[in-house]
Amino acid sequence: MALVGANVGVAKLLAEALPIPLIACLRCLLACAVLWPLARAWEGRVRPGRGALANLALQAVFGTALYNAGVLAGLRLTSALEGGLVLATLPAVVALGSALWLRERLRPRQWAAVALAAGGMALMTLARLGGPGGTGGGHALGNLLVFGGVLGEAAYVLLAKRLGTALPVVTASFWMQALSALVLLPFALPGIGAVAALGEPRLAGLLVFHSLTASVLCLLLWYAGLRRVPAGVAGMFTMFLPAAAAATAVLALGEAATPFHALGFGLMGASLLLATWRGRGRG
């Protein structure tokens, strides 16, 4: 989740230079080129069943197409810092989804963690919208588009949890990226001429980094983690996403931060500890 968050700043730079569907499609194709030999070497020939394939196709639509469309389009209209703050709603959306859809029982401690995360989001949003020490208003449409990406990512998290151990980790990651490329290809082809911009080493390097981290390493870590914790608890770890996004925006893109952001991140950190702490005995 920290790597996904750091990629928000990278995605903003890419979205300023290339068509959004082309970025997402090339990212998936590059990921497939890496994941295919890894899957064959580590897990052998594994073909997903019809049910697993359908689940992966839905993950591709929600977790790749919708998430990338929402976040990349939104980042053209708002700052990376503000977009990262909107992404802070993801833990609450995942937790509520795991309770309502997967029927996982959330402890009162986890509901309190969601409330703390929401408080952190509110504080940081206040900072961006011109509260004491704030840095000015943001673009409502851009933030709304990023939140649409949040809904897609939350659906992806829950679908990945539902897939469970039906497929080995690397094989599941490969098929998800392959199906994502198929979903995105019709939208990417009209802008294929823009691929010439990748002749610039800096832009090509950003795309390769974006693909290998967001579409390979992050997927492998996320699938492996989801097999060890409930979806509601996994959702709390998504708070690293907005934290890393904001840190990248401040340190790499030079966007302004305020004490409100620091306080908000403090609340989010407390939320993470509260959600994942296991007490003695019953836990």
Protein backbone atom coordinates (compact mmCIF):
# COMPACT_ATOMS: atom_id res chain seq x y z
CA MET A 1 0.00 0.00 0.00
CA ALA A 2 2.92 2.35 0.65
CA LEU A 3 4.23 1.64 -2.86
CA VAL A 4 0.77 2.22 -4.35
CA GLY A 5 0.65 5.55 -2.54
CA ALA A 6 4.07 6.59 -3.77
CA ASN A 7 2.84 5.84 -7.28
CA VAL A 8 0.16 8.54 -6.99
CA GLY A 9 2.86 11.16 -7.56
CA VAL A 10 4.37 9.10 -10.39
CA ALA A 11 0.93 8.69 -11.96
CA LYS A 12 0.37 12.45 -11.84
CA LEU A 13 3.58 13.05 -13.81
CA LEU A 14 2.65 10.36 -16.35
CA ALA A 15 -0.92 11.65 -16.73
CA GLU A 16 0.42 15.07 -17.66
CA ALA A 17 2.31 13.58 -20.63
CA LEU A 18 0.36 10.53 -21.88
CA PRO A 19 -3.31 9.52 -22.44
CA ILE A 20 -4.74 7.84 -19.36
CA PRO A 21 -5.89 4.57 -21.00
CA LEU A 22 -2.50 4.21 -22.71
CA ILE A 23 -0.66 4.55 -19.40
CA ALA A 24 -2.80 1.89 -17.73
CA CYS A 25 -2.65 -0.53 -20.69
CA LEU A 26 1.14 -0.27 -21.12
CA ARG A 27 1.56 -0.72 -17.37
CA CYS A 28 -0.41 -3.98 -17.50
CA LEU A 29 1.46 -5.27 -20.56
CA LEU A 30 4.83 -4.60 -18.93
CA ALA A 31 3.63 -6.36 -15.79
CA CYS A 32 2.53 -9.41 -17.82
CA ALA A 33 5.98 -9.65 -19.40
CA VAL A 34 7.47 -9.96 -15.91
CA LEU A 35 4.77 -12.06 -14.23
CA TRP A 36 4.41 -14.74 -16.93
CA PRO A 37 7.93 -16.23 -16.59
CA LEU A 38 7.76 -15.88 -12.79
CA ALA A 39 4.47 -17.77 -12.67
CA ARG A 40 5.80 -20.58 -14.89
CA ALA A 41 9.07 -20.86 -12.94
CA TRP A 42 7.61 -20.73 -9.42
CA GLU A 43 4.13 -22.23 -9.79
CA GLY A 44 4.11 -24.21 -13.04
CA ARG A 45 1.21 -24.32 -15.46
CA VAL A 46 -1.91 -23.37 -13.54
CA ARG A 47 -5.12 -22.59 -15.41
CA PRO A 48 -7.83 -20.72 -13.51
CA GLY A 49 -11.27 -22.29 -13.35
CA ARG A 50 -14.31 -20.53 -14.72
CA GLY A 51 -15.29 -19.07 -11.36
CA ALA A 52 -11.78 -17.81 -10.59
CA LEU A 53 -11.48 -16.32 -14.09
CA ALA A 54 -14.77 -14.47 -13.67
CA ASN A 55 -13.61 -13.12 -10.30
CA LEU A 56 -10.30 -11.97 -11.82
CA ALA A 57 -12.14 -10.29 -14.69
CA LEU A 58 -14.19 -8.28 -12.19
CA GLN A 59 -10.99 -7.36 -10.35
CA ALA A 60 -9.57 -6.14 -13.65
CA VAL A 61 -12.62 -3.95 -14.33
CA PHE A 62 -12.82 -2.46 -10.84
CA GLY A 63 -9.24 -2.57 -9.53
CA THR A 64 -7.46 -1.62 -12.76
CA ALA A 65 -9.83 0.09 -15.19
CA LEU A 66 -12.02 2.02 -12.74
CA TYR A 67 -9.25 2.74 -10.24
CA ASN A 68 -6.79 4.01 -12.84
CA ALA A 69 -9.41 5.98 -14.76
CA GLY A 70 -10.64 7.69 -11.61
CA VAL A 71 -7.25 8.41 -10.05
CA LEU A 72 -5.39 9.43 -13.21
CA ALA A 73 -8.24 11.62 -14.48
CA GLY A 74 -8.69 13.15 -11.03
CA LEU A 75 -4.99 13.93 -10.70
CA ARG A 76 -5.21 16.08 -13.82
CA LEU A 77 -7.60 18.35 -11.93
CA THR A 78 -6.31 18.21 -8.35
CA SER A 79 -2.95 17.98 -6.59
CA ALA A 80 -1.21 14.73 -5.70
CA LEU A 81 -1.46 15.69 -2.02
CA GLU A 82 -5.19 16.33 -2.17
CA GLY A 83 -5.75 13.21 -4.25
CA GLY A 84 -3.84 11.23 -1.63
CA LEU A 85 -6.09 12.63 1.08
CA VAL A 86 -9.20 11.50 -0.78
CA LEU A 87 -7.65 8.04 -0.96
CA ALA A 88 -7.67 8.03 2.85
CA THR A 89 -11.36 7.09 2.66
CA LEU A 90 -10.35 3.65 1.31
CA PRO A 91 -9.99 1.87 4.70
CA ALA A 92 -13.51 2.86 5.74
CA VAL A 93 -14.98 1.79 2.39
CA VAL A 94 -13.17 -1.58 2.55
CA ALA A 95 -14.19 -2.19 6.17
CA LEU A 96 -17.83 -1.41 5.47
CA GLY A 97 -17.75 -3.54 2.34
CA SER A 98 -16.25 -6.51 4.19
CA ALA A 99 -19.00 -6.28 6.80
CA LEU A 100 -21.89 -5.84 4.35
CA TRP A 101 -20.77 -8.05 1.45
CA LEU A 102 -18.39 -10.67 2.88
CA ARG A 103 -20.32 -10.81 6.17
CA GLU A 104 -17.14 -10.42 8.23
CA ARG A 105 -17.81 -9.36 11.78
CA LEU A 106 -15.97 -6.17 12.69
CA ARG A 107 -15.11 -5.69 16.35
CA PRO A 108 -16.00 -2.39 18.03
CA ARG A 109 -12.24 -1.70 18.05
CA GLN A 110 -12.23 -1.88 14.25
CA TRP A 111 -15.21 0.47 13.95
CA ALA A 112 -13.35 2.88 16.22
CA ALA A 113 -10.34 2.57 13.92
CA VAL A 114 -12.52 3.50 10.95
CA ALA A 115 -13.74 6.55 12.88
CA LEU A 116 -10.15 7.62 13.63
CA ALA A 117 -9.23 7.22 9.96
CA ALA A 118 -12.20 9.37 8.99
CA GLY A 119 -11.08 11.97 11.53
CA GLY A 120 -7.63 12.05 9.99
CA MET A 121 -9.19 12.49 6.56
CA ALA A 122 -11.34 15.35 7.83
CA LEU A 123 -8.37 17.18 9.37
CA MET A 124 -6.23 16.91 6.27
CA THR A 125 -9.12 17.91 4.02
CA LEU A 126 -9.69 20.97 6.21
CA ALA A 127 -6.04 21.88 5.73
CA ARG A 128 -6.39 21.73 1.95
CA LEU A 129 -9.71 23.57 1.86
CA GLY A 130 -8.42 26.67 3.55
CA GLY A 131 -8.78 26.01 7.27
CA PRO A 132 -6.24 27.47 9.75
CA GLY A 133 -2.90 27.10 8.08
CA GLY A 134 -4.60 25.67 5.00
CA THR A 135 -3.23 25.92 1.52
CA GLY A 136 -6.31 26.81 -0.48
CA GLY A 137 -9.25 25.08 -2.11
CA GLY A 138 -9.09 22.00 -4.25
CA HIS A 139 -10.95 20.98 -7.37
CA ALA A 140 -14.20 19.23 -6.44
CA LEU A 141 -14.50 17.31 -9.71
CA GLY A 142 -10.93 16.01 -9.45
CA ASN A 143 -11.55 14.82 -5.90
CA LEU A 144 -14.81 13.18 -6.95
CA LEU A 145 -13.03 11.30 -9.74
CA VAL A 146 -10.37 10.09 -7.30
CA PHE A 147 -13.12 8.88 -4.97
CA GLY A 148 -14.57 6.91 -7.88
CA GLY A 149 -11.16 5.25 -8.07
CA VAL A 150 -11.44 4.52 -4.33
CA LEU A 151 -14.69 2.64 -4.91
CA GLY A 152 -13.03 0.60 -7.64
CA GLU A 153 -10.04 -0.23 -5.43
CA ALA A 154 -12.32 -1.22 -2.54
CA ALA A 155 -14.20 -3.61 -4.83
CA TYR A 156 -10.85 -5.05 -5.96
CA VAL A 157 -9.76 -5.67 -2.35
CA LEU A 158 -12.99 -7.50 -1.53
CA LEU A 159 -12.93 -9.53 -4.76
CA ALA A 160 -9.30 -10.53 -4.10
CA LYS A 161 -10.30 -11.71 -0.64
CA ARG A 162 -13.18 -13.71 -2.11
CA LEU A 163 -10.77 -15.38 -4.56
CA GLY A 164 -8.79 -16.61 -1.55
CA THR A 165 -6.42 -19.49 -2.33
CA ALA A 166 -8.11 -20.58 -5.57
CA LEU A 167 -4.95 -19.66 -7.49
CA PRO A 168 -1.27 -19.31 -6.56
CA VAL A 169 -0.23 -15.70 -5.92
CA VAL A 170 1.90 -15.04 -9.02
CA THR A 171 -0.51 -16.83 -11.36
CA ALA A 172 -3.44 -14.81 -9.99
CA SER A 173 -1.45 -11.60 -10.45
CA PHE A 174 -0.58 -12.50 -14.05
CA TRP A 175 -4.15 -13.29 -15.05
CA MET A 176 -5.44 -10.13 -13.40
CA GLN A 177 -2.97 -8.00 -15.37
CA ALA A 178 -3.65 -9.87 -18.63
CA LEU A 179 -7.40 -9.40 -18.28
CA SER A 180 -6.84 -5.75 -17.34
CA ALA A 181 -4.84 -5.21 -20.54
CA LEU A 182 -7.69 -6.72 -22.58
CA VAL A 183 -10.23 -4.45 -20.88
CA LEU A 184 -8.08 -1.35 -21.46
CA LEU A 185 -6.84 -2.08 -24.99
CA PRO A 186 -9.87 -0.68 -26.91
CA PHE A 187 -9.56 2.59 -24.98
CA ALA A 188 -5.78 2.77 -25.38
CA LEU A 189 -5.57 2.22 -29.16
CA PRO A 190 -6.91 5.67 -30.20
CA GLY A 191 -4.01 7.33 -28.34
CA ILE A 192 -1.32 4.89 -29.47
CA GLY A 193 0.55 7.66 -31.31
CA ALA A 194 1.46 9.24 -28.00
CA VAL A 195 3.76 6.28 -27.28
CA ALA A 196 6.46 8.23 -29.15
CA ALA A 197 6.77 10.42 -26.04
CA LEU A 198 8.34 7.44 -24.28
CA GLY A 199 11.48 8.14 -26.27
CA GLU A 200 12.29 10.53 -23.41
CA PRO A 201 14.29 8.41 -20.92
CA ARG A 202 12.79 10.11 -17.85
CA LEU A 203 9.21 9.41 -18.94
CA ALA A 204 10.02 5.82 -19.97
CA GLY A 205 11.73 5.25 -16.63
CA LEU A 206 8.68 6.53 -14.75
CA LEU A 207 6.43 4.16 -16.69
CA VAL A 208 8.68 1.16 -16.01
CA PHE A 209 8.88 2.02 -12.29
CA HIS A 210 5.11 2.53 -12.21
CA SER A 211 4.50 -0.86 -13.80
CA LEU A 212 7.02 -2.95 -11.85
CA THR A 213 5.95 -1.56 -8.48
CA ALA A 214 2.20 -0.92 -8.81
CA SER A 215 1.37 -3.87 -11.07
CA VAL A 216 3.92 -6.49 -9.98
CA LEU A 217 5.44 -6.05 -6.53
CA CYS A 218 2.35 -4.48 -4.95
CA LEU A 219 0.07 -7.20 -6.32
CA LEU A 220 2.31 -9.99 -5.07
CA LEU A 221 2.54 -8.48 -1.59
CA TRP A 222 -1.18 -7.74 -1.45
CA TYR A 223 -2.34 -11.22 -2.53
CA ALA A 224 0.07 -12.84 -0.08
CA GLY A 225 -1.11 -10.61 2.77
CA LEU A 226 -4.81 -11.14 2.09
CA ARG A 227 -4.34 -14.86 2.69
CA ARG A 228 -3.24 -14.16 6.26
CA VAL A 229 -5.63 -11.48 7.53
CA PRO A 230 -9.38 -10.69 7.24
CA ALA A 231 -10.38 -8.16 4.56
CA GLY A 232 -11.46 -5.64 7.22
CA VAL A 233 -8.02 -5.71 8.84
CA ALA A 234 -6.30 -5.61 5.45
CA GLY A 235 -8.36 -2.53 4.69
CA MET A 236 -6.78 -0.70 7.60
CA PHE A 237 -3.36 -1.14 6.01
CA THR A 238 -4.59 0.82 3.01
CA MET A 239 -3.98 3.90 5.16
CA PHE A 240 -0.36 3.62 4.10
CA LEU A 241 -1.57 4.51 0.60
CA PRO A 242 -2.64 8.13 1.30
CA ALA A 243 0.24 8.62 3.73
CA ALA A 244 2.81 7.62 1.10
CA ALA A 245 0.96 9.63 -1.55
CA ALA A 246 1.10 12.77 0.56
CA ALA A 247 4.76 12.22 1.46
CA THR A 248 5.64 11.84 -2.23
CA ALA A 249 3.65 14.96 -3.10
CA VAL A 250 5.54 17.00 -0.50
CA LEU A 251 9.04 15.58 -0.87
CA ALA A 252 9.18 14.86 -4.61
CA LEU A 253 6.64 17.24 -6.17
CA GLY A 254 7.17 20.17 -3.80
CA GLU A 255 3.52 20.51 -2.73
CA ALA A 256 2.84 22.30 0.57
CA ALA A 257 1.96 20.49 3.81
CA THR A 258 0.61 21.90 7.08
CA PRO A 259 0.42 20.89 10.76
CA PHE A 260 -3.11 19.70 10.02
CA HIS A 261 -1.65 17.05 7.73
CA ALA A 262 0.72 15.86 10.46
CA LEU A 263 -2.14 15.62 12.95
CA GLY A 264 -4.28 13.79 10.43
CA PHE A 265 -1.55 11.24 9.78
CA GLY A 266 -1.23 10.79 13.55
CA LEU A 267 -4.90 9.84 13.77
CA MET A 268 -4.51 7.46 10.84
CA GLY A 269 -1.53 5.80 12.51
CA ALA A 270 -3.52 5.36 15.72
CA SER A 271 -6.31 3.86 13.64
CA LEU A 272 -3.91 1.33 12.12
CA LEU A 273 -2.60 0.26 15.53
CA LEU A 274 -6.10 -0.01 16.94
CA ALA A 275 -7.33 -2.10 14.02
CA THR A 276 -4.46 -4.58 13.98
CA TRP A 277 -3.42 -4.87 17.63
CA ARG A 278 -3.98 -8.35 19.00
CA GLY A 279 -4.46 -8.53 22.72
CA ARG A 280 -3.63 -11.57 24.84
CA GLY A 281 -6.12 -14.34 25.18
CA ARG A 282 -8.97 -13.94 22.77
CA GLY A 283 -7.23 -11.07 20.83
